[in-house]
Amino acid sequence: MRYVRDNMGAPKTLTGAVCVALNKNIGRKERKVDLIFMPQEKGSFSVRSTTELMNILESWKVSFEERKRVFDFVAERLRMLAGEGTVA
């Protein structure tokens, strides 16, 4: 899980967290990945793509450097899951 911080305004305030995990469809041969954005003020929700996640982080005015760190984390996690041979 990667925490997203917004450098705009108050220094290093927690905006939310991003999680990359396998979904819960047990018994299927093909496993899918869930991207979950968990903002601090609201409930968690699944995003459909990395593009949608980028747009959400931009709308929250998360700094470029922090968005880059989040996507480095997402890419690393996806590579790890693909290496396990479990991602469809």
PDB file of N, CA and C in Angstrom:
ATOM      1  N   MET A   1       0.843  -1.167   0.000  1.00  0.00           N
ATOM      2  CA  MET A   1       0.000   0.000   0.000  1.00  0.00           C
ATOM      3  C   MET A   1       0.889   1.232   0.000  1.00  0.00           C
ATOM      4  N   ARG A   2       0.544   2.193  -0.791  1.00  0.00           N
ATOM      5  CA  ARG A   2       1.314   3.436  -0.893  1.00  0.00           C
ATOM      6  C   ARG A   2       0.445   4.576  -0.390  1.00  0.00           C
ATOM      7  N   TYR A   3       0.989   5.381   0.497  1.00  0.00           N
ATOM      8  CA  TYR A   3       0.272   6.556   0.978  1.00  0.00           C
ATOM      9  C   TYR A   3       0.517   7.727   0.056  1.00  0.00           C
ATOM     10  N   VAL A   4      -0.538   8.453  -0.216  1.00  0.00           N
ATOM     11  CA  VAL A   4      -0.471   9.625  -1.073  1.00  0.00           C
ATOM     12  C   VAL A   4      -0.452  10.846  -0.174  1.00  0.00           C
ATOM     13  N   ARG A   5       0.486  11.728  -0.406  1.00  0.00           N
ATOM     14  CA  ARG A   5       0.548  12.957   0.378  1.00  0.00           C
ATOM     15  C   ARG A   5       0.456  14.142  -0.571  1.00  0.00           C
ATOM     16  N   ASP A   6      -0.183  15.170  -0.112  1.00  0.00           N
ATOM     17  CA  ASP A   6      -0.345  16.380  -0.901  1.00  0.00           C
ATOM     18  C   ASP A   6       0.616  17.430  -0.369  1.00  0.00           C
ATOM     19  N   ASN A   7       1.541  17.861  -1.187  1.00  0.00           N
ATOM     20  CA  ASN A   7       2.514  18.869  -0.759  1.00  0.00           C
ATOM     21  C   ASN A   7       1.985  20.290  -0.916  1.00  0.00           C
ATOM     22  N   MET A   8       0.804  20.441  -1.465  1.00  0.00           N
ATOM     23  CA  MET A   8       0.214  21.762  -1.630  1.00  0.00           C
ATOM     24  C   MET A   8      -0.499  22.116  -0.324  1.00  0.00           C
ATOM     25  N   GLY A   9      -0.364  23.332   0.136  1.00  0.00           N
ATOM     26  CA  GLY A   9      -1.036  23.725   1.372  1.00  0.00           C
ATOM     27  C   GLY A   9      -0.236  23.283   2.580  1.00  0.00           C
ATOM     28  N   ALA A  10      -0.901  22.637   3.523  1.00  0.00           N
ATOM     29  CA  ALA A  10      -0.236  22.186   4.747  1.00  0.00           C
ATOM     30  C   ALA A  10       0.851  21.181   4.403  1.00  0.00           C
ATOM     31  N   PRO A  11       1.992  21.270   5.044  1.00  0.00           N
ATOM     32  CA  PRO A  11       3.087  20.355   4.699  1.00  0.00           C
ATOM     33  C   PRO A  11       2.762  18.910   5.023  1.00  0.00           C
ATOM     34  N   LYS A  12       2.913  18.058   4.020  1.00  0.00           N
ATOM     35  CA  LYS A  12       2.807  16.606   4.162  1.00  0.00           C
ATOM     36  C   LYS A  12       1.530  16.134   4.851  1.00  0.00           C
ATOM     37  N   THR A  13       0.386  16.662   4.448  1.00  0.00           N
ATOM     38  CA  THR A  13      -0.875  16.157   4.992  1.00  0.00           C
ATOM     39  C   THR A  13      -1.286  14.907   4.241  1.00  0.00           C
ATOM     40  N   LEU A  14      -1.803  13.922   4.948  1.00  0.00           N
ATOM     41  CA  LEU A  14      -2.215  12.670   4.326  1.00  0.00           C
ATOM     42  C   LEU A  14      -3.500  12.883   3.553  1.00  0.00           C
ATOM     43  N   THR A  15      -3.477  12.553   2.259  1.00  0.00           N
ATOM     44  CA  THR A  15      -4.650  12.674   1.409  1.00  0.00           C
ATOM     45  C   THR A  15      -5.368  11.344   1.302  1.00  0.00           C
ATOM     46  N   GLY A  16      -4.627  10.261   1.199  1.00  0.00           N
ATOM     47  CA  GLY A  16      -5.240   8.950   1.044  1.00  0.00           C
ATOM     48  C   GLY A  16      -4.181   7.895   0.814  1.00  0.00           C
ATOM     49  N   ALA A  17      -4.639   6.713   0.421  1.00  0.00           N
ATOM     50  CA  ALA A  17      -3.730   5.610   0.162  1.00  0.00           C
ATOM     51  C   ALA A  17      -4.163   4.903  -1.112  1.00  0.00           C
ATOM     52  N   VAL A  18      -3.211   4.248  -1.766  1.00  0.00           N
ATOM     53  CA  VAL A  18      -3.466   3.473  -2.973  1.00  0.00           C
ATOM     54  C   VAL A  18      -3.040   2.041  -2.697  1.00  0.00           C
ATOM     55  N   CYS A  19      -3.906   1.099  -3.065  1.00  0.00           N
ATOM     56  CA  CYS A  19      -3.621  -0.318  -2.872  1.00  0.00           C
ATOM     57  C   CYS A  19      -3.758  -1.034  -4.210  1.00  0.00           C
ATOM     58  N   VAL A  20      -2.833  -1.939  -4.504  1.00  0.00           N
ATOM     59  CA  VAL A  20      -2.886  -2.785  -5.697  1.00  0.00           C
ATOM     60  C   VAL A  20      -2.952  -4.219  -5.187  1.00  0.00           C
ATOM     61  N   ALA A  21      -4.049  -4.902  -5.487  1.00  0.00           N
ATOM     62  CA  ALA A  21      -4.238  -6.252  -4.946  1.00  0.00           C
ATOM     63  C   ALA A  21      -4.991  -7.116  -5.938  1.00  0.00           C
ATOM     64  N   LEU A  22      -4.854  -8.421  -5.771  1.00  0.00           N
ATOM     65  CA  LEU A  22      -5.656  -9.347  -6.562  1.00  0.00           C
ATOM     66  C   LEU A  22      -7.088  -9.298  -6.054  1.00  0.00           C
ATOM     67  N   ASN A  23      -8.040  -9.424  -6.974  1.00  0.00           N
ATOM     68  CA  ASN A  23      -9.438  -9.408  -6.538  1.00  0.00           C
ATOM     69  C   ASN A  23      -9.798 -10.732  -5.884  1.00  0.00           C
ATOM     70  N   LYS A  24     -11.012 -10.821  -5.378  1.00  0.00           N
ATOM     71  CA  LYS A  24     -11.415 -11.973  -4.575  1.00  0.00           C
ATOM     72  C   LYS A  24     -12.154 -13.049  -5.360  1.00  0.00           C
ATOM     73  N   ASN A  25     -12.058 -13.066  -6.666  1.00  0.00           N
ATOM     74  CA  ASN A  25     -12.749 -14.078  -7.463  1.00  0.00           C
ATOM     75  C   ASN A  25     -12.036 -15.418  -7.327  1.00  0.00           C
ATOM     76  N   ILE A  26     -12.297 -16.088  -6.242  1.00  0.00           N
ATOM     77  CA  ILE A  26     -11.680 -17.379  -5.970  1.00  0.00           C
ATOM     78  C   ILE A  26     -12.265 -18.426  -6.922  1.00  0.00           C
ATOM     79  N   GLY A  27     -11.445 -19.328  -7.399  1.00  0.00           N
ATOM     80  CA  GLY A  27     -11.921 -20.390  -8.273  1.00  0.00           C
ATOM     81  C   GLY A  27     -11.793 -20.085  -9.752  1.00  0.00           C
ATOM     82  N   ARG A  28     -11.553 -18.850 -10.114  1.00  0.00           N
ATOM     83  CA  ARG A  28     -11.345 -18.510 -11.516  1.00  0.00           C
ATOM     84  C   ARG A  28      -9.903 -18.782 -11.891  1.00  0.00           C
ATOM     85  N   LYS A  29      -9.705 -19.189 -13.132  1.00  0.00           N
ATOM     86  CA  LYS A  29      -8.341 -19.424 -13.605  1.00  0.00           C
ATOM     87  C   LYS A  29      -7.616 -18.105 -13.819  1.00  0.00           C
ATOM     88  N   GLU A  30      -8.340 -17.096 -14.294  1.00  0.00           N
ATOM     89  CA  GLU A  30      -7.735 -15.793 -14.550  1.00  0.00           C
ATOM     90  C   GLU A  30      -8.012 -14.877 -13.374  1.00  0.00           C
ATOM     91  N   ARG A  31      -6.970 -14.331 -12.802  1.00  0.00           N
ATOM     92  CA  ARG A  31      -7.112 -13.399 -11.690  1.00  0.00           C
ATOM     93  C   ARG A  31      -6.960 -11.981 -12.216  1.00  0.00           C
ATOM     94  N   LYS A  32      -7.730 -11.074 -11.703  1.00  0.00           N
ATOM     95  CA  LYS A  32      -7.662  -9.667 -12.091  1.00  0.00           C
ATOM     96  C   LYS A  32      -7.078  -8.860 -10.941  1.00  0.00           C
ATOM     97  N   VAL A  33      -6.593  -7.682 -11.273  1.00  0.00           N
ATOM     98  CA  VAL A  33      -6.006  -6.792 -10.275  1.00  0.00           C
ATOM     99  C   VAL A  33      -7.000  -5.679  -9.966  1.00  0.00           C
ATOM    100  N   ASP A  34      -7.113  -5.344  -8.690  1.00  0.00           N
ATOM    101  CA  ASP A  34      -7.909  -4.198  -8.258  1.00  0.00           C
ATOM    102  C   ASP A  34      -6.970  -3.065  -7.886  1.00  0.00           C
ATOM    103  N   LEU A  35      -7.269  -1.873  -8.384  1.00  0.00           N
ATOM    104  CA  LEU A  35      -6.613  -0.647  -7.942  1.00  0.00           C
ATOM    105  C   LEU A  35      -7.617   0.054  -7.038  1.00  0.00           C
ATOM    106  N   ILE A  36      -7.228   0.325  -5.817  1.00  0.00           N
ATOM    107  CA  ILE A  36      -8.156   0.903  -4.850  1.00  0.00           C
ATOM    108  C   ILE A  36      -7.575   2.219  -4.348  1.00  0.00           C
ATOM    109  N   PHE A  37      -8.391   3.266  -4.393  1.00  0.00           N
ATOM    110  CA  PHE A  37      -8.013   4.562  -3.846  1.00  0.00           C
ATOM    111  C   PHE A  37      -8.813   4.770  -2.575  1.00  0.00           C
ATOM    112  N   MET A  38      -8.112   5.089  -1.494  1.00  0.00           N
ATOM    113  CA  MET A  38      -8.752   5.246  -0.190  1.00  0.00           C
ATOM    114  C   MET A  38      -8.493   6.656   0.318  1.00  0.00           C
ATOM    115  N   PRO A  39      -9.354   7.609  -0.057  1.00  0.00           N
ATOM    116  CA  PRO A  39      -9.154   8.966   0.440  1.00  0.00           C
ATOM    117  C   PRO A  39      -9.434   9.047   1.936  1.00  0.00           C
ATOM    118  N   GLN A  40      -8.776   9.983   2.590  1.00  0.00           N
ATOM    119  CA  GLN A  40      -8.913  10.105   4.037  1.00  0.00           C
ATOM    120  C   GLN A  40     -10.329  10.513   4.436  1.00  0.00           C
ATOM    121  N   GLU A  41     -10.937  11.411   3.684  1.00  0.00           N
ATOM    122  CA  GLU A  41     -12.234  11.956   4.085  1.00  0.00           C
ATOM    123  C   GLU A  41     -13.429  11.108   3.662  1.00  0.00           C
ATOM    124  N   LYS A  42     -13.255  10.202   2.711  1.00  0.00           N
ATOM    125  CA  LYS A  42     -14.377   9.456   2.148  1.00  0.00           C
ATOM    126  C   LYS A  42     -14.089   7.969   2.196  1.00  0.00           C
ATOM    127  N   GLY A  43     -15.086   7.163   1.811  1.00  0.00           N
ATOM    128  CA  GLY A  43     -14.897   5.717   1.745  1.00  0.00           C
ATOM    129  C   GLY A  43     -13.999   5.316   0.593  1.00  0.00           C
ATOM    130  N   SER A  44     -13.552   4.088   0.616  1.00  0.00           N
ATOM    131  CA  SER A  44     -12.681   3.554  -0.431  1.00  0.00           C
ATOM    132  C   SER A  44     -13.468   3.238  -1.691  1.00  0.00           C
ATOM    133  N   PHE A  45     -12.796   3.323  -2.832  1.00  0.00           N
ATOM    134  CA  PHE A  45     -13.438   2.910  -4.070  1.00  0.00           C
ATOM    135  C   PHE A  45     -12.411   2.385  -5.059  1.00  0.00           C
ATOM    136  N   SER A  46     -12.865   1.490  -5.906  1.00  0.00           N
ATOM    137  CA  SER A  46     -12.028   0.884  -6.918  1.00  0.00           C
ATOM    138  C   SER A  46     -11.964   1.796  -8.135  1.00  0.00           C
ATOM    139  N   VAL A  47     -10.787   1.871  -8.755  1.00  0.00           N
ATOM    140  CA  VAL A  47     -10.637   2.627  -9.999  1.00  0.00           C
ATOM    141  C   VAL A  47     -10.418   1.633 -11.128  1.00  0.00           C
ATOM    142  N   ARG A  48     -10.855   1.979 -12.326  1.00  0.00           N
ATOM    143  CA  ARG A  48     -10.833   1.045 -13.449  1.00  0.00           C
ATOM    144  C   ARG A  48      -9.494   0.956 -14.147  1.00  0.00           C
ATOM    145  N   SER A  49      -8.662   1.992 -13.997  1.00  0.00           N
ATOM    146  CA  SER A  49      -7.402   1.992 -14.740  1.00  0.00           C
ATOM    147  C   SER A  49      -6.405   2.922 -14.075  1.00  0.00           C
ATOM    148  N   THR A  50      -5.156   2.809 -14.516  1.00  0.00           N
ATOM    149  CA  THR A  50      -4.140   3.720 -14.009  1.00  0.00           C
ATOM    150  C   THR A  50      -4.414   5.148 -14.482  1.00  0.00           C
ATOM    151  N   THR A  51      -5.013   5.286 -15.664  1.00  0.00           N
ATOM    152  CA  THR A  51      -5.366   6.613 -16.157  1.00  0.00           C
ATOM    153  C   THR A  51      -6.404   7.260 -15.249  1.00  0.00           C
ATOM    154  N   GLU A  52      -7.403   6.489 -14.848  1.00  0.00           N
ATOM    155  CA  GLU A  52      -8.414   7.026 -13.938  1.00  0.00           C
ATOM    156  C   GLU A  52      -7.780   7.408 -12.600  1.00  0.00           C
ATOM    157  N   LEU A  53      -6.861   6.586 -12.108  1.00  0.00           N
ATOM    158  CA  LEU A  53      -6.176   6.912 -10.861  1.00  0.00           C
ATOM    159  C   LEU A  53      -5.393   8.215 -11.007  1.00  0.00           C
ATOM    160  N   MET A  54      -4.692   8.389 -12.123  1.00  0.00           N
ATOM    161  CA  MET A  54      -3.943   9.626 -12.368  1.00  0.00           C
ATOM    162  C   MET A  54      -4.875  10.832 -12.352  1.00  0.00           C
ATOM    163  N   ASN A  55      -6.014  10.712 -13.020  1.00  0.00           N
ATOM    164  CA  ASN A  55      -6.968  11.818 -13.060  1.00  0.00           C
ATOM    165  C   ASN A  55      -7.506  12.141 -11.666  1.00  0.00           C
ATOM    166  N   ILE A  56      -7.751  11.124 -10.862  1.00  0.00           N
ATOM    167  CA  ILE A  56      -8.234  11.347  -9.498  1.00  0.00           C
ATOM    168  C   ILE A  56      -7.176  12.081  -8.684  1.00  0.00           C
ATOM    169  N   LEU A  57      -5.932  11.621  -8.765  1.00  0.00           N
ATOM    170  CA  LEU A  57      -4.866  12.272  -8.005  1.00  0.00           C
ATOM    171  C   LEU A  57      -4.660  13.710  -8.459  1.00  0.00           C
ATOM    172  N   GLU A  58      -4.780  13.965  -9.756  1.00  0.00           N
ATOM    173  CA  GLU A  58      -4.675  15.336 -10.256  1.00  0.00           C
ATOM    174  C   GLU A  58      -5.811  16.193  -9.726  1.00  0.00           C
ATOM    175  N   SER A  59      -7.029  15.646  -9.698  1.00  0.00           N
ATOM    176  CA  SER A  59      -8.172  16.419  -9.206  1.00  0.00           C
ATOM    177  C   SER A  59      -8.048  16.729  -7.714  1.00  0.00           C
ATOM    178  N   TRP A  60      -7.305  15.892  -6.988  1.00  0.00           N
ATOM    179  CA  TRP A  60      -7.043  16.130  -5.565  1.00  0.00           C
ATOM    180  C   TRP A  60      -5.849  17.059  -5.374  1.00  0.00           C
ATOM    181  N   LYS A  61      -5.275  17.512  -6.488  1.00  0.00           N
ATOM    182  CA  LYS A  61      -4.125  18.409  -6.482  1.00  0.00           C
ATOM    183  C   LYS A  61      -2.910  17.819  -5.753  1.00  0.00           C
ATOM    184  N   VAL A  62      -2.698  16.519  -5.973  1.00  0.00           N
ATOM    185  CA  VAL A  62      -1.518  15.857  -5.442  1.00  0.00           C
ATOM    186  C   VAL A  62      -0.333  16.268  -6.315  1.00  0.00           C
ATOM    187  N   SER A  63       0.773  16.588  -5.695  1.00  0.00           N
ATOM    188  CA  SER A  63       1.939  17.091  -6.428  1.00  0.00           C
ATOM    189  C   SER A  63       2.439  16.074  -7.455  1.00  0.00           C
ATOM    190  N   PHE A  64       3.144  16.582  -8.459  1.00  0.00           N
ATOM    191  CA  PHE A  64       3.696  15.719  -9.502  1.00  0.00           C
ATOM    192  C   PHE A  64       4.645  14.683  -8.912  1.00  0.00           C
ATOM    193  N   GLU A  65       5.531  15.109  -8.024  1.00  0.00           N
ATOM    194  CA  GLU A  65       6.497  14.177  -7.430  1.00  0.00           C
ATOM    195  C   GLU A  65       5.789  13.069  -6.669  1.00  0.00           C
ATOM    196  N   GLU A  66       4.732  13.393  -5.957  1.00  0.00           N
ATOM    197  CA  GLU A  66       4.009  12.365  -5.203  1.00  0.00           C
ATOM    198  C   GLU A  66       3.250  11.431  -6.143  1.00  0.00           C
ATOM    199  N   ARG A  67       2.655  11.980  -7.207  1.00  0.00           N
ATOM    200  CA  ARG A  67       1.984  11.118  -8.201  1.00  0.00           C
ATOM    201  C   ARG A  67       2.994  10.173  -8.824  1.00  0.00           C
ATOM    202  N   LYS A  68       4.199  10.672  -9.121  1.00  0.00           N
ATOM    203  CA  LYS A  68       5.245   9.834  -9.695  1.00  0.00           C
ATOM    204  C   LYS A  68       5.601   8.697  -8.730  1.00  0.00           C
ATOM    205  N   ARG A  69       5.730   8.984  -7.443  1.00  0.00           N
ATOM    206  CA  ARG A  69       6.032   7.948  -6.459  1.00  0.00           C
ATOM    207  C   ARG A  69       4.921   6.913  -6.384  1.00  0.00           C
ATOM    208  N   VAL A  70       3.675   7.373  -6.460  1.00  0.00           N
ATOM    209  CA  VAL A  70       2.539   6.444  -6.427  1.00  0.00           C
ATOM    210  C   VAL A  70       2.583   5.520  -7.638  1.00  0.00           C
ATOM    211  N   PHE A  71       2.852   6.069  -8.820  1.00  0.00           N
ATOM    212  CA  PHE A  71       2.859   5.232 -10.016  1.00  0.00           C
ATOM    213  C   PHE A  71       4.096   4.339 -10.088  1.00  0.00           C
ATOM    214  N   ASP A  72       5.193   4.746  -9.489  1.00  0.00           N
ATOM    215  CA  ASP A  72       6.337   3.832  -9.364  1.00  0.00           C
ATOM    216  C   ASP A  72       5.933   2.638  -8.506  1.00  0.00           C
ATOM    217  N   PHE A  73       5.210   2.897  -7.416  1.00  0.00           N
ATOM    218  CA  PHE A  73       4.723   1.820  -6.553  1.00  0.00           C
ATOM    219  C   PHE A  73       3.758   0.912  -7.309  1.00  0.00           C
ATOM    220  N   VAL A  74       2.793   1.496  -8.032  1.00  0.00           N
ATOM    221  CA  VAL A  74       1.805   0.705  -8.775  1.00  0.00           C
ATOM    222  C   VAL A  74       2.513  -0.169  -9.808  1.00  0.00           C
ATOM    223  N   ALA A  75       3.466   0.393 -10.545  1.00  0.00           N
ATOM    224  CA  ALA A  75       4.189  -0.380 -11.559  1.00  0.00           C
ATOM    225  C   ALA A  75       4.966  -1.528 -10.923  1.00  0.00           C
ATOM    226  N   GLU A  76       5.633  -1.251  -9.809  1.00  0.00           N
ATOM    227  CA  GLU A  76       6.395  -2.303  -9.128  1.00  0.00           C
ATOM    228  C   GLU A  76       5.472  -3.419  -8.641  1.00  0.00           C
ATOM    229  N   ARG A  77       4.330  -3.045  -8.082  1.00  0.00           N
ATOM    230  CA  ARG A  77       3.380  -4.041  -7.568  1.00  0.00           C
ATOM    231  C   ARG A  77       2.807  -4.878  -8.721  1.00  0.00           C
ATOM    232  N   LEU A  78       2.480  -4.248  -9.844  1.00  0.00           N
ATOM    233  CA  LEU A  78       1.957  -4.990 -10.993  1.00  0.00           C
ATOM    234  C   LEU A  78       3.008  -5.957 -11.545  1.00  0.00           C
ATOM    235  N   ARG A  79       4.269  -5.511 -11.595  1.00  0.00           N
ATOM    236  CA  ARG A  79       5.352  -6.400 -12.048  1.00  0.00           C
ATOM    237  C   ARG A  79       5.491  -7.592 -11.109  1.00  0.00           C
ATOM    238  N   MET A  80       5.397  -7.335  -9.816  1.00  0.00           N
ATOM    239  CA  MET A  80       5.517  -8.419  -8.843  1.00  0.00           C
ATOM    240  C   MET A  80       4.382  -9.434  -9.012  1.00  0.00           C
ATOM    241  N   LEU A  81       3.157  -8.943  -9.157  1.00  0.00           N
ATOM    242  CA  LEU A  81       2.023  -9.836  -9.338  1.00  0.00           C
ATOM    243  C   LEU A  81       2.121 -10.616 -10.653  1.00  0.00           C
ATOM    244  N   ALA A  82       2.589  -9.953 -11.714  1.00  0.00           N
ATOM    245  CA  ALA A  82       2.755 -10.634 -12.998  1.00  0.00           C
ATOM    246  C   ALA A  82       3.838 -11.702 -12.908  1.00  0.00           C
ATOM    247  N   GLY A  83       4.869 -11.451 -12.135  1.00  0.00           N
ATOM    248  CA  GLY A  83       5.945 -12.412 -11.951  1.00  0.00           C
ATOM    249  C   GLY A  83       5.476 -13.663 -11.239  1.00  0.00           C
ATOM    250  N   GLU A  84       4.437 -13.527 -10.433  1.00  0.00           N
ATOM    251  CA  GLU A  84       3.862 -14.687  -9.755  1.00  0.00           C
ATOM    252  C   GLU A  84       2.995 -15.517 -10.677  1.00  0.00           C
ATOM    253  N   GLY A  85       2.746 -14.987 -11.899  1.00  0.00           N
ATOM    254  CA  GLY A  85       1.925 -15.708 -12.856  1.00  0.00           C
ATOM    255  C   GLY A  85       0.456 -15.738 -12.491  1.00  0.00           C
ATOM    256  N   THR A  86       0.010 -14.718 -11.738  1.00  0.00           N
ATOM    257  CA  THR A  86      -1.378 -14.730 -11.278  1.00  0.00           C
ATOM    258  C   THR A  86      -2.222 -13.646 -11.901  1.00  0.00           C
ATOM    259  N   VAL A  87      -1.636 -12.745 -12.683  1.00  0.00           N
ATOM    260  CA  VAL A  87      -2.393 -11.642 -13.269  1.00  0.00           C
ATOM    261  C   VAL A  87      -2.872 -12.047 -14.650  1.00  0.00           C
ATOM    262  N   ALA A  88      -4.141 -11.767 -14.921  1.00  0.00           N
ATOM    263  CA  ALA A  88      -4.704 -12.091 -16.244  1.00  0.00           C
ATOM    264  C   ALA A  88      -4.396 -10.976 -17.205  1.00  0.00           C
TER     265      ALA A  88
END
